[in-house]
PDB file of all heavy atoms in Angstrom:
ATOM      1  N   LEU A   1     -39.525  12.251 -14.811  1.00  0.00           N
ATOM      2  CA  LEU A   1     -40.840  11.921 -14.278  1.00  0.00           C
ATOM      3  C   LEU A   1     -40.821  10.711 -13.344  1.00  0.00           C
ATOM      4  O   LEU A   1     -41.391  10.759 -12.241  1.00  0.00           O
ATOM      5  CB  LEU A   1     -41.822  11.665 -15.419  1.00  0.00           C
ATOM      6  CG  LEU A   1     -41.946  12.738 -16.489  1.00  0.00           C
ATOM      7  CD1 LEU A   1     -43.085  12.396 -17.434  1.00  0.00           C
ATOM      8  CD2 LEU A   1     -42.139  14.103 -15.879  1.00  0.00           C
ATOM      9  N   SER A   2     -40.167   9.653 -13.771  1.00  0.00           N
ATOM     10  CA  SER A   2     -40.143   8.429 -12.968  1.00  0.00           C
ATOM     11  C   SER A   2     -38.994   8.386 -11.983  1.00  0.00           C
ATOM     12  O   SER A   2     -38.930   7.490 -11.144  1.00  0.00           O
ATOM     13  CB  SER A   2     -40.056   7.215 -13.892  1.00  0.00           C
ATOM     14  OG  SER A   2     -38.843   7.259 -14.603  1.00  0.00           O
ATOM     15  N   GLY A   3     -38.098   9.352 -12.104  1.00  0.00           N
ATOM     16  CA  GLY A   3     -36.938   9.389 -11.228  1.00  0.00           C
ATOM     17  C   GLY A   3     -35.754   8.578 -11.722  1.00  0.00           C
ATOM     18  O   GLY A   3     -34.741   8.505 -11.043  1.00  0.00           O
ATOM     19  N   VAL A   4     -35.867   8.004 -12.896  1.00  0.00           N
ATOM     20  CA  VAL A   4     -34.792   7.158 -13.415  1.00  0.00           C
ATOM     21  C   VAL A   4     -33.576   7.972 -13.820  1.00  0.00           C
ATOM     22  O   VAL A   4     -32.427   7.556 -13.607  1.00  0.00           O
ATOM     23  CB  VAL A   4     -35.303   6.332 -14.611  1.00  0.00           C
ATOM     24  CG1 VAL A   4     -34.155   5.616 -15.301  1.00  0.00           C
ATOM     25  CG2 VAL A   4     -36.359   5.336 -14.154  1.00  0.00           C
ATOM     26  N   THR A   5     -33.814   9.158 -14.396  1.00  0.00           N
ATOM     27  CA  THR A   5     -32.715   9.980 -14.903  1.00  0.00           C
ATOM     28  C   THR A   5     -32.577  11.246 -14.079  1.00  0.00           C
ATOM     29  O   THR A   5     -33.577  11.910 -13.775  1.00  0.00           O
ATOM     30  CB  THR A   5     -32.948  10.350 -16.372  1.00  0.00           C
ATOM     31  OG1 THR A   5     -33.129   9.142 -17.135  1.00  0.00           O
ATOM     32  CG2 THR A   5     -31.753  11.115 -16.930  1.00  0.00           C
ATOM     33  N   THR A   6     -31.350  11.569 -13.738  1.00  0.00           N
ATOM     34  CA  THR A   6     -31.064  12.767 -12.956  1.00  0.00           C
ATOM     35  C   THR A   6     -29.957  13.574 -13.631  1.00  0.00           C
ATOM     36  O   THR A   6     -29.149  13.027 -14.388  1.00  0.00           O
ATOM     37  CB  THR A   6     -30.640  12.413 -11.525  1.00  0.00           C
ATOM     38  OG1 THR A   6     -29.529  11.510 -11.579  1.00  0.00           O
ATOM     39  CG2 THR A   6     -31.780  11.757 -10.766  1.00  0.00           C
ATOM     40  N   TYR A   7     -29.948  14.846 -13.352  1.00  0.00           N
ATOM     41  CA  TYR A   7     -28.953  15.772 -13.898  1.00  0.00           C
ATOM     42  C   TYR A   7     -28.421  16.611 -12.745  1.00  0.00           C
ATOM     43  O   TYR A   7     -29.190  16.997 -11.855  1.00  0.00           O
ATOM     44  CB  TYR A   7     -29.575  16.685 -14.960  1.00  0.00           C
ATOM     45  CG  TYR A   7     -30.180  15.949 -16.120  1.00  0.00           C
ATOM     46  CD1 TYR A   7     -31.479  15.458 -16.048  1.00  0.00           C
ATOM     47  CD2 TYR A   7     -29.468  15.746 -17.285  1.00  0.00           C
ATOM     48  CE1 TYR A   7     -32.047  14.767 -17.105  1.00  0.00           C
ATOM     49  CE2 TYR A   7     -30.032  15.067 -18.361  1.00  0.00           C
ATOM     50  CZ  TYR A   7     -31.312  14.576 -18.260  1.00  0.00           C
ATOM     51  OH  TYR A   7     -31.868  13.904 -19.318  1.00  0.00           O
ATOM     52  N   TYR A   8     -27.128  16.922 -12.785  1.00  0.00           N
ATOM     53  CA  TYR A   8     -26.507  17.692 -11.719  1.00  0.00           C
ATOM     54  C   TYR A   8     -25.572  18.755 -12.288  1.00  0.00           C
ATOM     55  O   TYR A   8     -24.922  18.540 -13.309  1.00  0.00           O
ATOM     56  CB  TYR A   8     -25.700  16.775 -10.785  1.00  0.00           C
ATOM     57  CG  TYR A   8     -26.542  15.767 -10.044  1.00  0.00           C
ATOM     58  CD1 TYR A   8     -26.712  14.478 -10.524  1.00  0.00           C
ATOM     59  CD2 TYR A   8     -27.188  16.121  -8.854  1.00  0.00           C
ATOM     60  CE1 TYR A   8     -27.493  13.555  -9.849  1.00  0.00           C
ATOM     61  CE2 TYR A   8     -27.972  15.207  -8.182  1.00  0.00           C
ATOM     62  CZ  TYR A   8     -28.125  13.926  -8.686  1.00  0.00           C
ATOM     63  OH  TYR A   8     -28.906  13.026  -8.006  1.00  0.00           O
ATOM     64  N   ALA A   9     -25.487  19.851 -11.577  1.00  0.00           N
ATOM     65  CA  ALA A   9     -24.445  20.822 -11.872  1.00  0.00           C
ATOM     66  C   ALA A   9     -23.106  20.195 -11.501  1.00  0.00           C
ATOM     67  O   ALA A   9     -23.005  19.405 -10.561  1.00  0.00           O
ATOM     68  CB  ALA A   9     -24.685  22.097 -11.068  1.00  0.00           C
ATOM     69  N   ASP A  10     -22.072  20.567 -12.239  1.00  0.00           N
ATOM     70  CA  ASP A  10     -20.744  19.998 -11.983  1.00  0.00           C
ATOM     71  C   ASP A  10     -20.293  20.260 -10.553  1.00  0.00           C
ATOM     72  O   ASP A  10     -19.602  19.434  -9.951  1.00  0.00           O
ATOM     73  CB  ASP A  10     -19.724  20.590 -12.960  1.00  0.00           C
ATOM     74  CG  ASP A  10     -19.905  20.080 -14.377  1.00  0.00           C
ATOM     75  OD1 ASP A  10     -20.573  19.032 -14.554  1.00  0.00           O
ATOM     76  OD2 ASP A  10     -19.380  20.720 -15.295  1.00  0.00           O
ATOM     77  N   SER A  11     -20.700  21.380 -10.003  1.00  0.00           N
ATOM     78  CA  SER A  11     -20.245  21.777  -8.676  1.00  0.00           C
ATOM     79  C   SER A  11     -20.806  20.894  -7.566  1.00  0.00           C
ATOM     80  O   SER A  11     -20.285  20.909  -6.447  1.00  0.00           O
ATOM     81  CB  SER A  11     -20.624  23.231  -8.407  1.00  0.00           C
ATOM     82  OG  SER A  11     -22.029  23.405  -8.511  1.00  0.00           O
ATOM     83  N   VAL A  12     -21.864  20.137  -7.847  1.00  0.00           N
ATOM     84  CA  VAL A  12     -22.469  19.312  -6.799  1.00  0.00           C
ATOM     85  C   VAL A  12     -22.427  17.823  -7.105  1.00  0.00           C
ATOM     86  O   VAL A  12     -22.833  17.006  -6.260  1.00  0.00           O
ATOM     87  CB  VAL A  12     -23.930  19.738  -6.533  1.00  0.00           C
ATOM     88  CG1 VAL A  12     -24.003  21.229  -6.250  1.00  0.00           C
ATOM     89  CG2 VAL A  12     -24.849  19.353  -7.685  1.00  0.00           C
ATOM     90  N   LYS A  13     -21.948  17.454  -8.272  1.00  0.00           N
ATOM     91  CA  LYS A  13     -21.887  16.035  -8.643  1.00  0.00           C
ATOM     92  C   LYS A  13     -21.081  15.234  -7.625  1.00  0.00           C
ATOM     93  O   LYS A  13     -20.012  15.652  -7.197  1.00  0.00           O
ATOM     94  CB  LYS A  13     -21.260  15.878 -10.025  1.00  0.00           C
ATOM     95  CG  LYS A  13     -22.215  16.103 -11.164  1.00  0.00           C
ATOM     96  CD  LYS A  13     -21.512  15.905 -12.507  1.00  0.00           C
ATOM     97  CE  LYS A  13     -22.447  16.203 -13.662  1.00  0.00           C
ATOM     98  NZ  LYS A  13     -21.762  16.119 -14.968  1.00  0.00           N
ATOM     99  N   GLY A  14     -21.633  14.093  -7.233  1.00  0.00           N
ATOM    100  CA  GLY A  14     -20.960  13.241  -6.274  1.00  0.00           C
ATOM    101  C   GLY A  14     -21.235  13.617  -4.826  1.00  0.00           C
ATOM    102  O   GLY A  14     -20.893  12.858  -3.918  1.00  0.00           O
ATOM    103  N   ARG A  15     -21.854  14.772  -4.601  1.00  0.00           N
ATOM    104  CA  ARG A  15     -22.150  15.212  -3.232  1.00  0.00           C
ATOM    105  C   ARG A  15     -23.654  15.320  -2.986  1.00  0.00           C
ATOM    106  O   ARG A  15     -24.112  15.064  -1.879  1.00  0.00           O
ATOM    107  CB  ARG A  15     -21.503  16.572  -2.960  1.00  0.00           C
ATOM    108  CG  ARG A  15     -19.997  16.581  -3.088  1.00  0.00           C
ATOM    109  CD  ARG A  15     -19.411  17.909  -2.615  1.00  0.00           C
ATOM    110  NE  ARG A  15     -19.868  19.050  -3.395  1.00  0.00           N
ATOM    111  CZ  ARG A  15     -20.516  20.093  -2.868  1.00  0.00           C
ATOM    112  NH1 ARG A  15     -20.779  20.140  -1.573  1.00  0.00           N
ATOM    113  NH2 ARG A  15     -20.883  21.102  -3.653  1.00  0.00           N
ATOM    114  N   PHE A  16     -24.403  15.726  -4.002  1.00  0.00           N
ATOM    115  CA  PHE A  16     -25.852  15.907  -3.867  1.00  0.00           C
ATOM    116  C   PHE A  16     -26.591  14.806  -4.619  1.00  0.00           C
ATOM    117  O   PHE A  16     -26.118  14.320  -5.650  1.00  0.00           O
ATOM    118  CB  PHE A  16     -26.276  17.255  -4.461  1.00  0.00           C
ATOM    119  CG  PHE A  16     -25.839  18.464  -3.686  1.00  0.00           C
ATOM    120  CD1 PHE A  16     -24.923  18.390  -2.649  1.00  0.00           C
ATOM    121  CD2 PHE A  16     -26.373  19.718  -4.005  1.00  0.00           C
ATOM    122  CE1 PHE A  16     -24.520  19.501  -1.946  1.00  0.00           C
ATOM    123  CE2 PHE A  16     -25.986  20.855  -3.312  1.00  0.00           C
ATOM    124  CZ  PHE A  16     -25.049  20.746  -2.290  1.00  0.00           C
ATOM    125  N   THR A  17     -27.769  14.439  -4.097  1.00  0.00           N
ATOM    126  CA  THR A  17     -28.618  13.448  -4.751  1.00  0.00           C
ATOM    127  C   THR A  17     -30.051  13.934  -4.756  1.00  0.00           C
ATOM    128  O   THR A  17     -30.605  14.264  -3.705  1.00  0.00           O
ATOM    129  CB  THR A  17     -28.548  12.095  -4.030  1.00  0.00           C
ATOM    130  OG1 THR A  17     -27.198  11.633  -3.986  1.00  0.00           O
ATOM    131  CG2 THR A  17     -29.407  11.065  -4.761  1.00  0.00           C
ATOM    132  N   ILE A  18     -30.635  13.998  -5.942  1.00  0.00           N
ATOM    133  CA  ILE A  18     -32.035  14.382  -6.070  1.00  0.00           C
ATOM    134  C   ILE A  18     -32.881  13.116  -6.178  1.00  0.00           C
ATOM    135  O   ILE A  18     -32.467  12.127  -6.796  1.00  0.00           O
ATOM    136  CB  ILE A  18     -32.251  15.302  -7.291  1.00  0.00           C
ATOM    137  CG1 ILE A  18     -33.675  15.848  -7.319  1.00  0.00           C
ATOM    138  CG2 ILE A  18     -31.898  14.601  -8.590  1.00  0.00           C
ATOM    139  CD1 ILE A  18     -33.906  16.932  -8.378  1.00  0.00           C
ATOM    140  N   SER A  19     -34.063  13.159  -5.561  1.00  0.00           N
ATOM    141  CA  SER A  19     -34.982  12.031  -5.644  1.00  0.00           C
ATOM    142  C   SER A  19     -36.400  12.573  -5.551  1.00  0.00           C
ATOM    143  O   SER A  19     -36.606  13.750  -5.247  1.00  0.00           O
ATOM    144  CB  SER A  19     -34.720  11.024  -4.524  1.00  0.00           C
ATOM    145  OG  SER A  19     -34.902  11.608  -3.257  1.00  0.00           O
ATOM    146  N   ARG A  20     -37.371  11.716  -5.831  1.00  0.00           N
ATOM    147  CA  ARG A  20     -38.756  12.164  -5.771  1.00  0.00           C
ATOM    148  C   ARG A  20     -39.644  11.027  -5.305  1.00  0.00           C
ATOM    149  O   ARG A  20     -39.344   9.856  -5.498  1.00  0.00           O
ATOM    150  CB  ARG A  20     -39.213  12.684  -7.136  1.00  0.00           C
ATOM    151  CG  ARG A  20     -39.289  11.639  -8.225  1.00  0.00           C
ATOM    152  CD  ARG A  20     -39.533  12.299  -9.597  1.00  0.00           C
ATOM    153  NE  ARG A  20     -40.813  12.974  -9.656  1.00  0.00           N
ATOM    154  CZ  ARG A  20     -41.117  13.898 -10.592  1.00  0.00           C
ATOM    155  NH1 ARG A  20     -40.219  14.237 -11.510  1.00  0.00           N
ATOM    156  NH2 ARG A  20     -42.310  14.465 -10.604  1.00  0.00           N
ATOM    157  N   ASP A  21     -40.777  11.422  -4.714  1.00  0.00           N
ATOM    158  CA  ASP A  21     -41.808  10.485  -4.304  1.00  0.00           C
ATOM    159  C   ASP A  21     -43.100  10.984  -4.918  1.00  0.00           C
ATOM    160  O   ASP A  21     -43.722  11.926  -4.389  1.00  0.00           O
ATOM    161  CB  ASP A  21     -41.901  10.420  -2.781  1.00  0.00           C
ATOM    162  CG  ASP A  21     -42.871   9.361  -2.301  1.00  0.00           C
ATOM    163  OD1 ASP A  21     -43.780   8.975  -3.069  1.00  0.00           O
ATOM    164  OD2 ASP A  21     -42.737   8.923  -1.145  1.00  0.00           O
ATOM    165  N   ASN A  22     -43.508  10.376  -6.008  1.00  0.00           N
ATOM    166  CA  ASN A  22     -44.699  10.863  -6.713  1.00  0.00           C
ATOM    167  C   ASN A  22     -45.982  10.650  -5.909  1.00  0.00           C
ATOM    168  O   ASN A  22     -46.959  11.368  -6.095  1.00  0.00           O
ATOM    169  CB  ASN A  22     -44.803  10.180  -8.072  1.00  0.00           C
ATOM    170  CG  ASN A  22     -43.773  10.707  -9.068  1.00  0.00           C
ATOM    171  OD1 ASN A  22     -43.212  11.783  -8.880  1.00  0.00           O
ATOM    172  ND2 ASN A  22     -43.506   9.933 -10.114  1.00  0.00           N
ATOM    173  N   ALA A  23     -45.982   9.683  -5.026  1.00  0.00           N
ATOM    174  CA  ALA A  23     -47.163   9.458  -4.182  1.00  0.00           C
ATOM    175  C   ALA A  23     -47.345  10.576  -3.161  1.00  0.00           C
ATOM    176  O   ALA A  23     -48.463  10.843  -2.713  1.00  0.00           O
ATOM    177  CB  ALA A  23     -47.040   8.120  -3.472  1.00  0.00           C
ATOM    178  N   LYS A  24     -46.251  11.243  -2.829  1.00  0.00           N
ATOM    179  CA  LYS A  24     -46.302  12.329  -1.847  1.00  0.00           C
ATOM    180  C   LYS A  24     -46.140  13.698  -2.497  1.00  0.00           C
ATOM    181  O   LYS A  24     -46.080  14.710  -1.783  1.00  0.00           O
ATOM    182  CB  LYS A  24     -45.205  12.137  -0.801  1.00  0.00           C
ATOM    183  CG  LYS A  24     -45.370  10.888   0.057  1.00  0.00           C
ATOM    184  CD  LYS A  24     -44.276  10.803   1.102  1.00  0.00           C
ATOM    185  CE  LYS A  24     -44.464   9.563   1.991  1.00  0.00           C
ATOM    186  NZ  LYS A  24     -43.397   9.457   3.027  1.00  0.00           N
ATOM    187  N   ASN A  25     -46.049  13.731  -3.810  1.00  0.00           N
ATOM    188  CA  ASN A  25     -45.860  15.010  -4.523  1.00  0.00           C
ATOM    189  C   ASN A  25     -44.675  15.789  -3.961  1.00  0.00           C
ATOM    190  O   ASN A  25     -44.746  17.012  -3.772  1.00  0.00           O
ATOM    191  CB  ASN A  25     -47.128  15.871  -4.456  1.00  0.00           C
ATOM    192  CG  ASN A  25     -48.235  15.354  -5.357  1.00  0.00           C
ATOM    193  OD1 ASN A  25     -48.101  14.308  -5.979  1.00  0.00           O
ATOM    194  ND2 ASN A  25     -49.326  16.076  -5.417  1.00  0.00           N
ATOM    195  N   THR A  26     -43.604  15.092  -3.710  1.00  0.00           N
ATOM    196  CA  THR A  26     -42.456  15.698  -3.047  1.00  0.00           C
ATOM    197  C   THR A  26     -41.160  15.325  -3.762  1.00  0.00           C
ATOM    198  O   THR A  26     -40.979  14.182  -4.181  1.00  0.00           O
ATOM    199  CB  THR A  26     -42.385  15.254  -1.580  1.00  0.00           C
ATOM    200  OG1 THR A  26     -43.597  15.648  -0.915  1.00  0.00           O
ATOM    201  CG2 THR A  26     -41.206  15.903  -0.871  1.00  0.00           C
ATOM    202  N   VAL A  27     -40.284  16.319  -3.864  1.00  0.00           N
ATOM    203  CA  VAL A  27     -38.950  16.105  -4.398  1.00  0.00           C
ATOM    204  C   VAL A  27     -37.949  16.446  -3.306  1.00  0.00           C
ATOM    205  O   VAL A  27     -38.187  17.352  -2.495  1.00  0.00           O
ATOM    206  CB  VAL A  27     -38.714  16.944  -5.675  1.00  0.00           C
ATOM    207  CG1 VAL A  27     -38.841  18.428  -5.406  1.00  0.00           C
ATOM    208  CG2 VAL A  27     -37.380  16.606  -6.323  1.00  0.00           C
ATOM    209  N   TYR A  28     -36.853  15.695  -3.278  1.00  0.00           N
ATOM    210  CA  TYR A  28     -35.861  15.842  -2.219  1.00  0.00           C
ATOM    211  C   TYR A  28     -34.500  16.183  -2.810  1.00  0.00           C
ATOM    212  O   TYR A  28     -34.206  15.896  -3.968  1.00  0.00           O
ATOM    213  CB  TYR A  28     -35.736  14.540  -1.422  1.00  0.00           C
ATOM    214  CG  TYR A  28     -37.028  14.029  -0.856  1.00  0.00           C
ATOM    215  CD1 TYR A  28     -37.789  13.064  -1.523  1.00  0.00           C
ATOM    216  CD2 TYR A  28     -37.518  14.515   0.353  1.00  0.00           C
ATOM    217  CE1 TYR A  28     -38.979  12.591  -1.010  1.00  0.00           C
ATOM    218  CE2 TYR A  28     -38.719  14.041   0.881  1.00  0.00           C
ATOM    219  CZ  TYR A  28     -39.444  13.087   0.181  1.00  0.00           C
ATOM    220  OH  TYR A  28     -40.625  12.638   0.703  1.00  0.00           O
ATOM    221  N   LEU A  29     -33.672  16.783  -1.954  1.00  0.00           N
ATOM    222  CA  LEU A  29     -32.284  17.008  -2.316  1.00  0.00           C
ATOM    223  C   LEU A  29     -31.420  16.654  -1.106  1.00  0.00           C
ATOM    224  O   LEU A  29     -31.431  17.383  -0.117  1.00  0.00           O
ATOM    225  CB  LEU A  29     -32.042  18.462  -2.734  1.00  0.00           C
ATOM    226  CG  LEU A  29     -30.644  18.749  -3.293  1.00  0.00           C
ATOM    227  CD1 LEU A  29     -30.440  18.037  -4.627  1.00  0.00           C
ATOM    228  CD2 LEU A  29     -30.432  20.256  -3.453  1.00  0.00           C
ATOM    229  N   GLN A  30     -30.737  15.536  -1.209  1.00  0.00           N
ATOM    230  CA  GLN A  30     -29.815  15.128  -0.156  1.00  0.00           C
ATOM    231  C   GLN A  30     -28.471  15.768  -0.450  1.00  0.00           C
ATOM    232  O   GLN A  30     -27.899  15.564  -1.527  1.00  0.00           O
ATOM    233  CB  GLN A  30     -29.679  13.602  -0.136  1.00  0.00           C
ATOM    234  CG  GLN A  30     -28.677  13.082   0.879  1.00  0.00           C
ATOM    235  CD  GLN A  30     -29.090  13.335   2.306  1.00  0.00           C
ATOM    236  OE1 GLN A  30     -30.244  13.127   2.679  1.00  0.00           O
ATOM    237  NE2 GLN A  30     -28.158  13.794   3.134  1.00  0.00           N
ATOM    238  N   MET A  31     -27.976  16.540   0.505  1.00  0.00           N
ATOM    239  CA  MET A  31     -26.729  17.282   0.315  1.00  0.00           C
ATOM    240  C   MET A  31     -25.704  16.801   1.323  1.00  0.00           C
ATOM    241  O   MET A  31     -25.911  16.953   2.533  1.00  0.00           O
ATOM    242  CB  MET A  31     -26.982  18.780   0.469  1.00  0.00           C
ATOM    243  CG  MET A  31     -28.094  19.308  -0.433  1.00  0.00           C
ATOM    244  SD  MET A  31     -28.246  21.099  -0.387  1.00  0.00           S
ATOM    245  CE  MET A  31     -28.707  21.347   1.321  1.00  0.00           C
TER     246      MET A  31
END
């Protein structure tokens, strides 16, 4: 909810980053 904890599939760990902006109701995936 707050973005403090993230989980990743093993295949993308270290390459992808998930983040969110609750003020914009948006979630991101940097690949």
